[in-house]
Amino acid sequence: MKIRPLGNRALVRPLEEEKMTASGIVLPDTVDREKKIEAEVVALGDGKRLAKYNLKPGDRVIIEKWGGEEVELEKVEHKIVDYEKILAVIE
């Protein structure tokens, strides 16, 4: 199955987060440590607003943690996010 986002949206795959503190304490999934996460761009819509950011599949970005709609693709969690939820590109 393929998912093609529409308009000014991007399909991203959130990257694994560290679940242990520097001192070795394991944090449960329910702990809200940050409001932003890193993700990899998988696919892009054809919206004009999104095009000006010059993103491409494979780019690593920072997105709002609670932004977007969660979808499962090939048994892996992905998110469809609006361009406004993409905060930065990691270079």
PDB file of N, CA and C in Angstrom:
ATOM      1  N   MET A   1       0.846  -1.174   0.000  1.00  0.00           N
ATOM      2  CA  MET A   1       0.000   0.000   0.000  1.00  0.00           C
ATOM      3  C   MET A   1       0.893   1.240   0.000  1.00  0.00           C
ATOM      4  N   LYS A   2       0.490   2.253  -0.753  1.00  0.00           N
ATOM      5  CA  LYS A   2       1.198   3.535  -0.781  1.00  0.00           C
ATOM      6  C   LYS A   2       0.245   4.618  -0.295  1.00  0.00           C
ATOM      7  N   ILE A   3       0.795   5.601   0.351  1.00  0.00           N
ATOM      8  CA  ILE A   3       0.009   6.757   0.788  1.00  0.00           C
ATOM      9  C   ILE A   3       0.615   7.989   0.140  1.00  0.00           C
ATOM     10  N   ARG A   4      -0.218   8.756  -0.558  1.00  0.00           N
ATOM     11  CA  ARG A   4       0.231   9.996  -1.194  1.00  0.00           C
ATOM     12  C   ARG A   4      -0.499  11.149  -0.511  1.00  0.00           C
ATOM     13  N   PRO A   5       0.204  11.950   0.270  1.00  0.00           N
ATOM     14  CA  PRO A   5      -0.450  13.075   0.938  1.00  0.00           C
ATOM     15  C   PRO A   5      -0.937  14.104  -0.081  1.00  0.00           C
ATOM     16  N   LEU A   6      -2.012  14.779   0.249  1.00  0.00           N
ATOM     17  CA  LEU A   6      -2.593  15.781  -0.639  1.00  0.00           C
ATOM     18  C   LEU A   6      -2.254  17.188  -0.171  1.00  0.00           C
ATOM     19  N   GLY A   7      -2.227  18.110  -1.113  1.00  0.00           N
ATOM     20  CA  GLY A   7      -2.039  19.526  -0.792  1.00  0.00           C
ATOM     21  C   GLY A   7      -0.738  19.814  -0.077  1.00  0.00           C
ATOM     22  N   ASN A   8      -0.841  20.584   0.975  1.00  0.00           N
ATOM     23  CA  ASN A   8       0.330  21.042   1.736  1.00  0.00           C
ATOM     24  C   ASN A   8       0.641  20.123   2.917  1.00  0.00           C
ATOM     25  N   ARG A   9       0.580  18.822   2.677  1.00  0.00           N
ATOM     26  CA  ARG A   9       0.844  17.851   3.731  1.00  0.00           C
ATOM     27  C   ARG A   9       2.043  16.977   3.360  1.00  0.00           C
ATOM     28  N   ALA A  10       2.640  16.395   4.397  1.00  0.00           N
ATOM     29  CA  ALA A  10       3.773  15.488   4.201  1.00  0.00           C
ATOM     30  C   ALA A  10       3.527  14.214   5.000  1.00  0.00           C
ATOM     31  N   LEU A  11       3.964  13.099   4.459  1.00  0.00           N
ATOM     32  CA  LEU A  11       3.948  11.829   5.174  1.00  0.00           C
ATOM     33  C   LEU A  11       5.331  11.658   5.782  1.00  0.00           C
ATOM     34  N   VAL A  12       5.397  11.513   7.102  1.00  0.00           N
ATOM     35  CA  VAL A  12       6.678  11.375   7.793  1.00  0.00           C
ATOM     36  C   VAL A  12       6.668  10.132   8.676  1.00  0.00           C
ATOM     37  N   ARG A  13       7.861   9.600   8.918  1.00  0.00           N
ATOM     38  CA  ARG A  13       8.028   8.464   9.820  1.00  0.00           C
ATOM     39  C   ARG A  13       8.781   8.959  11.046  1.00  0.00           C
ATOM     40  N   PRO A  14       8.110   9.009  12.203  1.00  0.00           N
ATOM     41  CA  PRO A  14       8.808   9.440  13.415  1.00  0.00           C
ATOM     42  C   PRO A  14       9.985   8.512  13.717  1.00  0.00           C
ATOM     43  N   LEU A  15      11.097   9.099  14.120  1.00  0.00           N
ATOM     44  CA  LEU A  15      12.288   8.319  14.457  1.00  0.00           C
ATOM     45  C   LEU A  15      12.216   7.907  15.919  1.00  0.00           C
ATOM     46  N   GLU A  16      12.852   6.808  16.236  1.00  0.00           N
ATOM     47  CA  GLU A  16      12.822   6.282  17.599  1.00  0.00           C
ATOM     48  C   GLU A  16      13.369   7.301  18.590  1.00  0.00           C
ATOM     49  N   GLU A  17      12.697   7.406  19.723  1.00  0.00           N
ATOM     50  CA  GLU A  17      13.136   8.312  20.778  1.00  0.00           C
ATOM     51  C   GLU A  17      13.892   7.526  21.839  1.00  0.00           C
ATOM     52  N   GLU A  18      14.834   8.178  22.482  1.00  0.00           N
ATOM     53  CA  GLU A  18      15.563   7.565  23.591  1.00  0.00           C
ATOM     54  C   GLU A  18      14.609   7.431  24.765  1.00  0.00           C
ATOM     55  N   LYS A  19      14.513   6.233  25.335  1.00  0.00           N
ATOM     56  CA  LYS A  19      13.588   5.993  26.432  1.00  0.00           C
ATOM     57  C   LYS A  19      14.311   5.799  27.761  1.00  0.00           C
ATOM     58  N   MET A  20      15.566   6.242  27.808  1.00  0.00           N
ATOM     59  CA  MET A  20      16.333   6.109  29.031  1.00  0.00           C
ATOM     60  C   MET A  20      17.088   7.413  29.284  1.00  0.00           C
ATOM     61  N   THR A  21      17.122   7.835  30.529  1.00  0.00           N
ATOM     62  CA  THR A  21      17.850   9.052  30.867  1.00  0.00           C
ATOM     63  C   THR A  21      19.345   8.765  30.882  1.00  0.00           C
ATOM     64  N   ALA A  22      20.142   9.822  30.955  1.00  0.00           N
ATOM     65  CA  ALA A  22      21.599   9.675  30.985  1.00  0.00           C
ATOM     66  C   ALA A  22      22.056   8.873  32.202  1.00  0.00           C
ATOM     67  N   SER A  23      21.287   8.935  33.287  1.00  0.00           N
ATOM     68  CA  SER A  23      21.664   8.195  34.495  1.00  0.00           C
ATOM     69  C   SER A  23      21.134   6.766  34.497  1.00  0.00           C
ATOM     70  N   GLY A  24      20.456   6.355  33.411  1.00  0.00           N
ATOM     71  CA  GLY A  24      20.015   4.968  33.290  1.00  0.00           C
ATOM     72  C   GLY A  24      18.587   4.696  33.708  1.00  0.00           C
ATOM     73  N   ILE A  25      17.813   5.727  34.002  1.00  0.00           N
ATOM     74  CA  ILE A  25      16.416   5.535  34.391  1.00  0.00           C
ATOM     75  C   ILE A  25      15.577   5.364  33.128  1.00  0.00           C
ATOM     76  N   VAL A  26      14.824   4.266  33.068  1.00  0.00           N
ATOM     77  CA  VAL A  26      13.973   3.998  31.912  1.00  0.00           C
ATOM     78  C   VAL A  26      12.673   4.780  32.073  1.00  0.00           C
ATOM     79  N   LEU A  27      12.311   5.521  31.018  1.00  0.00           N
ATOM     80  CA  LEU A  27      11.100   6.333  31.054  1.00  0.00           C
ATOM     81  C   LEU A  27       9.955   5.605  30.362  1.00  0.00           C
ATOM     82  N   PRO A  28       8.757   5.598  30.959  1.00  0.00           N
ATOM     83  CA  PRO A  28       7.610   4.969  30.300  1.00  0.00           C
ATOM     84  C   PRO A  28       7.135   5.811  29.122  1.00  0.00           C
ATOM     85  N   ASP A  29       6.375   5.180  28.210  1.00  0.00           N
ATOM     86  CA  ASP A  29       5.867   5.882  27.031  1.00  0.00           C
ATOM     87  C   ASP A  29       4.954   7.047  27.391  1.00  0.00           C
ATOM     88  N   THR A  30       4.360   7.024  28.574  1.00  0.00           N
ATOM     89  CA  THR A  30       3.406   8.062  28.952  1.00  0.00           C
ATOM     90  C   THR A  30       4.065   9.364  29.386  1.00  0.00           C
ATOM     91  N   VAL A  31       5.373   9.362  29.569  1.00  0.00           N
ATOM     92  CA  VAL A  31       6.075  10.579  29.988  1.00  0.00           C
ATOM     93  C   VAL A  31       6.187  11.521  28.795  1.00  0.00           C
ATOM     94  N   ASP A  32       5.683  12.739  28.952  1.00  0.00           N
ATOM     95  CA  ASP A  32       5.749  13.744  27.886  1.00  0.00           C
ATOM     96  C   ASP A  32       7.006  14.571  28.097  1.00  0.00           C
ATOM     97  N   ARG A  33       8.109  14.109  27.501  1.00  0.00           N
ATOM     98  CA  ARG A  33       9.381  14.791  27.724  1.00  0.00           C
ATOM     99  C   ARG A  33       9.531  16.028  26.862  1.00  0.00           C
ATOM    100  N   GLU A  34       9.073  15.975  25.637  1.00  0.00           N
ATOM    101  CA  GLU A  34       9.225  17.103  24.729  1.00  0.00           C
ATOM    102  C   GLU A  34       7.979  17.234  23.880  1.00  0.00           C
ATOM    103  N   LYS A  35       7.815  18.395  23.297  1.00  0.00           N
ATOM    104  CA  LYS A  35       6.667  18.618  22.431  1.00  0.00           C
ATOM    105  C   LYS A  35       7.062  18.573  20.963  1.00  0.00           C
ATOM    106  N   LYS A  36       8.309  18.175  20.691  1.00  0.00           N
ATOM    107  CA  LYS A  36       8.796  18.090  19.311  1.00  0.00           C
ATOM    108  C   LYS A  36       9.492  16.747  19.126  1.00  0.00           C
ATOM    109  N   ILE A  37       9.432  16.213  17.903  1.00  0.00           N
ATOM    110  CA  ILE A  37      10.114  14.957  17.609  1.00  0.00           C
ATOM    111  C   ILE A  37      10.801  15.041  16.251  1.00  0.00           C
ATOM    112  N   GLU A  38      11.793  14.189  16.061  1.00  0.00           N
ATOM    113  CA  GLU A  38      12.459  14.081  14.765  1.00  0.00           C
ATOM    114  C   GLU A  38      11.709  13.060  13.927  1.00  0.00           C
ATOM    115  N   ALA A  39      11.679  13.314  12.615  1.00  0.00           N
ATOM    116  CA  ALA A  39      11.004  12.404  11.694  1.00  0.00           C
ATOM    117  C   ALA A  39      11.713  12.436  10.350  1.00  0.00           C
ATOM    118  N   GLU A  40      11.480  11.405   9.557  1.00  0.00           N
ATOM    119  CA  GLU A  40      12.020  11.334   8.202  1.00  0.00           C
ATOM    120  C   GLU A  40      10.883  11.535   7.214  1.00  0.00           C
ATOM    121  N   VAL A  41      11.082  12.401   6.232  1.00  0.00           N
ATOM    122  CA  VAL A  41      10.070  12.649   5.205  1.00  0.00           C
ATOM    123  C   VAL A  41       9.999  11.426   4.295  1.00  0.00           C
ATOM    124  N   VAL A  42       8.779  10.899   4.106  1.00  0.00           N
ATOM    125  CA  VAL A  42       8.566   9.729   3.254  1.00  0.00           C
ATOM    126  C   VAL A  42       7.965  10.149   1.919  1.00  0.00           C
ATOM    127  N   ALA A  43       6.967  11.046   1.963  1.00  0.00           N
ATOM    128  CA  ALA A  43       6.309  11.514   0.739  1.00  0.00           C
ATOM    129  C   ALA A  43       5.769  12.915   0.977  1.00  0.00           C
ATOM    130  N   LEU A  44       5.589  13.654  -0.117  1.00  0.00           N
ATOM    131  CA  LEU A  44       5.125  15.038  -0.036  1.00  0.00           C
ATOM    132  C   LEU A  44       3.910  15.251  -0.921  1.00  0.00           C
ATOM    133  N   GLY A  45       3.007  16.123  -0.459  1.00  0.00           N
ATOM    134  CA  GLY A  45       1.891  16.534  -1.293  1.00  0.00           C
ATOM    135  C   GLY A  45       2.374  17.525  -2.338  1.00  0.00           C
ATOM    136  N   ASP A  46       1.460  17.960  -3.199  1.00  0.00           N
ATOM    137  CA  ASP A  46       1.843  18.866  -4.287  1.00  0.00           C
ATOM    138  C   ASP A  46       1.465  20.319  -4.015  1.00  0.00           C
ATOM    139  N   GLY A  47       1.249  20.655  -2.757  1.00  0.00           N
ATOM    140  CA  GLY A  47       0.842  22.009  -2.402  1.00  0.00           C
ATOM    141  C   GLY A  47       1.916  23.052  -2.644  1.00  0.00           C
ATOM    142  N   LYS A  48       1.496  24.250  -3.021  1.00  0.00           N
ATOM    143  CA  LYS A  48       2.433  25.340  -3.318  1.00  0.00           C
ATOM    144  C   LYS A  48       3.163  25.826  -2.074  1.00  0.00           C
ATOM    145  N   ARG A  49       2.490  25.854  -0.936  1.00  0.00           N
ATOM    146  CA  ARG A  49       3.140  26.316   0.294  1.00  0.00           C
ATOM    147  C   ARG A  49       4.244  25.356   0.717  1.00  0.00           C
ATOM    148  N   LEU A  50       4.006  24.065   0.566  1.00  0.00           N
ATOM    149  CA  LEU A  50       5.001  23.063   0.928  1.00  0.00           C
ATOM    150  C   LEU A  50       6.188  23.099  -0.028  1.00  0.00           C
ATOM    151  N   ALA A  51       5.944  23.366  -1.299  1.00  0.00           N
ATOM    152  CA  ALA A  51       7.002  23.365  -2.321  1.00  0.00           C
ATOM    153  C   ALA A  51       8.092  24.393  -2.031  1.00  0.00           C
ATOM    154  N   LYS A  52       7.733  25.521  -1.423  1.00  0.00           N
ATOM    155  CA  LYS A  52       8.739  26.560  -1.185  1.00  0.00           C
ATOM    156  C   LYS A  52       9.789  26.153  -0.154  1.00  0.00           C
ATOM    157  N   TYR A  53       9.526  25.093   0.615  1.00  0.00           N
ATOM    158  CA  TYR A  53      10.501  24.629   1.608  1.00  0.00           C
ATOM    159  C   TYR A  53      11.536  23.686   1.009  1.00  0.00           C
ATOM    160  N   ASN A  54      11.339  23.283  -0.244  1.00  0.00           N
ATOM    161  CA  ASN A  54      12.309  22.461  -0.961  1.00  0.00           C
ATOM    162  C   ASN A  54      12.634  21.162  -0.222  1.00  0.00           C
ATOM    163  N   LEU A  55      11.628  20.558   0.405  1.00  0.00           N
ATOM    164  CA  LEU A  55      11.814  19.278   1.076  1.00  0.00           C
ATOM    165  C   LEU A  55      11.802  18.155   0.058  1.00  0.00           C
ATOM    166  N   LYS A  56      12.410  17.027   0.427  1.00  0.00           N
ATOM    167  CA  LYS A  56      12.385  15.851  -0.439  1.00  0.00           C
ATOM    168  C   LYS A  56      12.354  14.605   0.444  1.00  0.00           C
ATOM    169  N   PRO A  57      11.862  13.491  -0.084  1.00  0.00           N
ATOM    170  CA  PRO A  57      11.875  12.255   0.697  1.00  0.00           C
ATOM    171  C   PRO A  57      13.290  11.938   1.173  1.00  0.00           C
ATOM    172  N   GLY A  58      13.383  11.507   2.422  1.00  0.00           N
ATOM    173  CA  GLY A  58      14.681  11.213   3.025  1.00  0.00           C
ATOM    174  C   GLY A  58      15.185  12.316   3.934  1.00  0.00           C
ATOM    175  N   ASP A  59      14.662  13.542   3.786  1.00  0.00           N
ATOM    176  CA  ASP A  59      15.061  14.641   4.670  1.00  0.00           C
ATOM    177  C   ASP A  59      14.632  14.335   6.100  1.00  0.00           C
ATOM    178  N   ARG A  60      15.467  14.748   7.052  1.00  0.00           N
ATOM    179  CA  ARG A  60      15.108  14.639   8.473  1.00  0.00           C
ATOM    180  C   ARG A  60      14.600  15.989   8.928  1.00  0.00           C
ATOM    181  N   VAL A  61      13.459  15.971   9.616  1.00  0.00           N
ATOM    182  CA  VAL A  61      12.815  17.203  10.047  1.00  0.00           C
ATOM    183  C   VAL A  61      12.428  17.106  11.515  1.00  0.00           C
ATOM    184  N   ILE A  62      12.118  18.259  12.090  1.00  0.00           N
ATOM    185  CA  ILE A  62      11.555  18.323  13.436  1.00  0.00           C
ATOM    186  C   ILE A  62      10.101  18.727  13.271  1.00  0.00           C
ATOM    187  N   ILE A  63       9.201  17.937  13.871  1.00  0.00           N
ATOM    188  CA  ILE A  63       7.770  18.226  13.785  1.00  0.00           C
ATOM    189  C   ILE A  63       7.191  18.355  15.188  1.00  0.00           C
ATOM    190  N   GLU A  64       6.017  18.961  15.273  1.00  0.00           N
ATOM    191  CA  GLU A  64       5.316  19.025  16.551  1.00  0.00           C
ATOM    192  C   GLU A  64       4.871  17.616  16.926  1.00  0.00           C
ATOM    193  N   LYS A  65       5.096  17.230  18.165  1.00  0.00           N
ATOM    194  CA  LYS A  65       4.791  15.869  18.620  1.00  0.00           C
ATOM    195  C   LYS A  65       3.319  15.528  18.461  1.00  0.00           C
ATOM    196  N   TRP A  66       2.448  16.445  18.763  1.00  0.00           N
ATOM    197  CA  TRP A  66       1.018  16.143  18.749  1.00  0.00           C
ATOM    198  C   TRP A  66       0.343  16.591  17.460  1.00  0.00           C
ATOM    199  N   GLY A  67       1.108  17.040  16.477  1.00  0.00           N
ATOM    200  CA  GLY A  67       0.525  17.459  15.203  1.00  0.00           C
ATOM    201  C   GLY A  67       0.348  16.287  14.256  1.00  0.00           C
ATOM    202  N   GLY A  68      -0.636  16.357  13.397  1.00  0.00           N
ATOM    203  CA  GLY A  68      -0.814  15.363  12.349  1.00  0.00           C
ATOM    204  C   GLY A  68      -1.688  14.190  12.736  1.00  0.00           C
ATOM    205  N   GLU A  69      -1.969  13.382  11.725  1.00  0.00           N
ATOM    206  CA  GLU A  69      -2.794  12.191  11.888  1.00  0.00           C
ATOM    207  C   GLU A  69      -1.909  10.959  11.801  1.00  0.00           C
ATOM    208  N   GLU A  70      -2.057  10.055  12.761  1.00  0.00           N
ATOM    209  CA  GLU A  70      -1.264   8.833  12.753  1.00  0.00           C
ATOM    210  C   GLU A  70      -1.864   7.831  11.779  1.00  0.00           C
ATOM    211  N   VAL A  71      -1.014   7.196  10.985  1.00  0.00           N
ATOM    212  CA  VAL A  71      -1.422   6.133  10.073  1.00  0.00           C
ATOM    213  C   VAL A  71      -0.378   5.022  10.148  1.00  0.00           C
ATOM    214  N   GLU A  72      -0.811   3.794   9.864  1.00  0.00           N
ATOM    215  CA  GLU A  72       0.122   2.673   9.857  1.00  0.00           C
ATOM    216  C   GLU A  72       0.378   2.270   8.415  1.00  0.00           C
ATOM    217  N   LEU A  73       1.633   2.168   8.060  1.00  0.00           N
ATOM    218  CA  LEU A  73       2.039   1.805   6.708  1.00  0.00           C
ATOM    219  C   LEU A  73       3.075   0.698   6.821  1.00  0.00           C
ATOM    220  N   GLU A  74       2.751  -0.482   6.300  1.00  0.00           N
ATOM    221  CA  GLU A  74       3.646  -1.641   6.387  1.00  0.00           C
ATOM    222  C   GLU A  74       4.057  -1.920   7.834  1.00  0.00           C
ATOM    223  N   LYS A  75       3.089  -1.855   8.736  1.00  0.00           N
ATOM    224  CA  LYS A  75       3.262  -2.145  10.168  1.00  0.00           C
ATOM    225  C   LYS A  75       4.202  -1.177  10.884  1.00  0.00           C
ATOM    226  N   VAL A  76       4.393   0.009  10.307  1.00  0.00           N
ATOM    227  CA  VAL A  76       5.232   1.042  10.918  1.00  0.00           C
ATOM    228  C   VAL A  76       4.392   2.306  11.072  1.00  0.00           C
ATOM    229  N   GLU A  77       4.481   2.938  12.244  1.00  0.00           N
ATOM    230  CA  GLU A  77       3.718   4.158  12.498  1.00  0.00           C
ATOM    231  C   GLU A  77       4.275   5.321  11.682  1.00  0.00           C
ATOM    232  N   HIS A  78       3.390   6.039  11.023  1.00  0.00           N
ATOM    233  CA  HIS A  78       3.723   7.241  10.259  1.00  0.00           C
ATOM    234  C   HIS A  78       2.750   8.340  10.678  1.00  0.00           C
ATOM    235  N   LYS A  79       3.021   9.554  10.242  1.00  0.00           N
ATOM    236  CA  LYS A  79       2.112  10.676  10.476  1.00  0.00           C
ATOM    237  C   LYS A  79       1.938  11.458   9.191  1.00  0.00           C
ATOM    238  N   ILE A  80       0.726  11.929   8.968  1.00  0.00           N
ATOM    239  CA  ILE A  80       0.469  12.878   7.894  1.00  0.00           C
ATOM    240  C   ILE A  80       0.358  14.234   8.578  1.00  0.00           C
ATOM    241  N   VAL A  81       1.287  15.137   8.260  1.00  0.00           N
ATOM    242  CA  VAL A  81       1.333  16.434   8.929  1.00  0.00           C
ATOM    243  C   VAL A  81       1.171  17.571   7.929  1.00  0.00           C
ATOM    244  N   ASP A  82       0.539  18.635   8.379  1.00  0.00           N
ATOM    245  CA  ASP A  82       0.422  19.852   7.587  1.00  0.00           C
ATOM    246  C   ASP A  82       1.777  20.555   7.583  1.00  0.00           C
ATOM    247  N   TYR A  83       2.073  21.286   6.530  1.00  0.00           N
ATOM    248  CA  TYR A  83       3.385  21.948   6.420  1.00  0.00           C
ATOM    249  C   TYR A  83       3.682  22.843   7.619  1.00  0.00           C
ATOM    250  N   GLU A  84       2.658  23.401   8.251  1.00  0.00           N
ATOM    251  CA  GLU A  84       2.874  24.282   9.406  1.00  0.00           C
ATOM    252  C   GLU A  84       3.392  23.527  10.629  1.00  0.00           C
ATOM    253  N   LYS A  85       3.234  22.210  10.648  1.00  0.00           N
ATOM    254  CA  LYS A  85       3.707  21.395  11.775  1.00  0.00           C
ATOM    255  C   LYS A  85       5.168  20.983  11.608  1.00  0.00           C
ATOM    256  N   ILE A  86       5.753  21.256  10.428  1.00  0.00           N
ATOM    257  CA  ILE A  86       7.175  20.985  10.204  1.00  0.00           C
ATOM    258  C   ILE A  86       7.939  22.227  10.653  1.00  0.00           C
ATOM    259  N   LEU A  87       8.704  22.084  11.730  1.00  0.00           N
ATOM    260  CA  LEU A  87       9.351  23.237  12.351  1.00  0.00           C
ATOM    261  C   LEU A  87      10.734  23.534  11.794  1.00  0.00           C
ATOM    262  N   ALA A  88      11.474  22.494  11.380  1.00  0.00           N
ATOM    263  CA  ALA A  88      12.848  22.700  10.912  1.00  0.00           C
ATOM    264  C   ALA A  88      13.326  21.486  10.139  1.00  0.00           C
ATOM    265  N   VAL A  89      14.360  21.708   9.323  1.00  0.00           N
ATOM    266  CA  VAL A  89      15.041  20.628   8.612  1.00  0.00           C
ATOM    267  C   VAL A  89      16.375  20.401   9.314  1.00  0.00           C
ATOM    268  N   ILE A  90      16.721  19.145   9.565  1.00  0.00           N
ATOM    269  CA  ILE A  90      17.996  18.813  10.196  1.00  0.00           C
ATOM    270  C   ILE A  90      19.015  18.585   9.091  1.00  0.00           C
ATOM    271  N   GLU A  91      20.088  19.364   9.108  1.00  0.00           N
ATOM    272  CA  GLU A  91      21.123  19.244   8.068  1.00  0.00           C
ATOM    273  C   GLU A  91      22.377  18.613   8.617  1.00  0.00           C
TER     274      GLU A  91
END
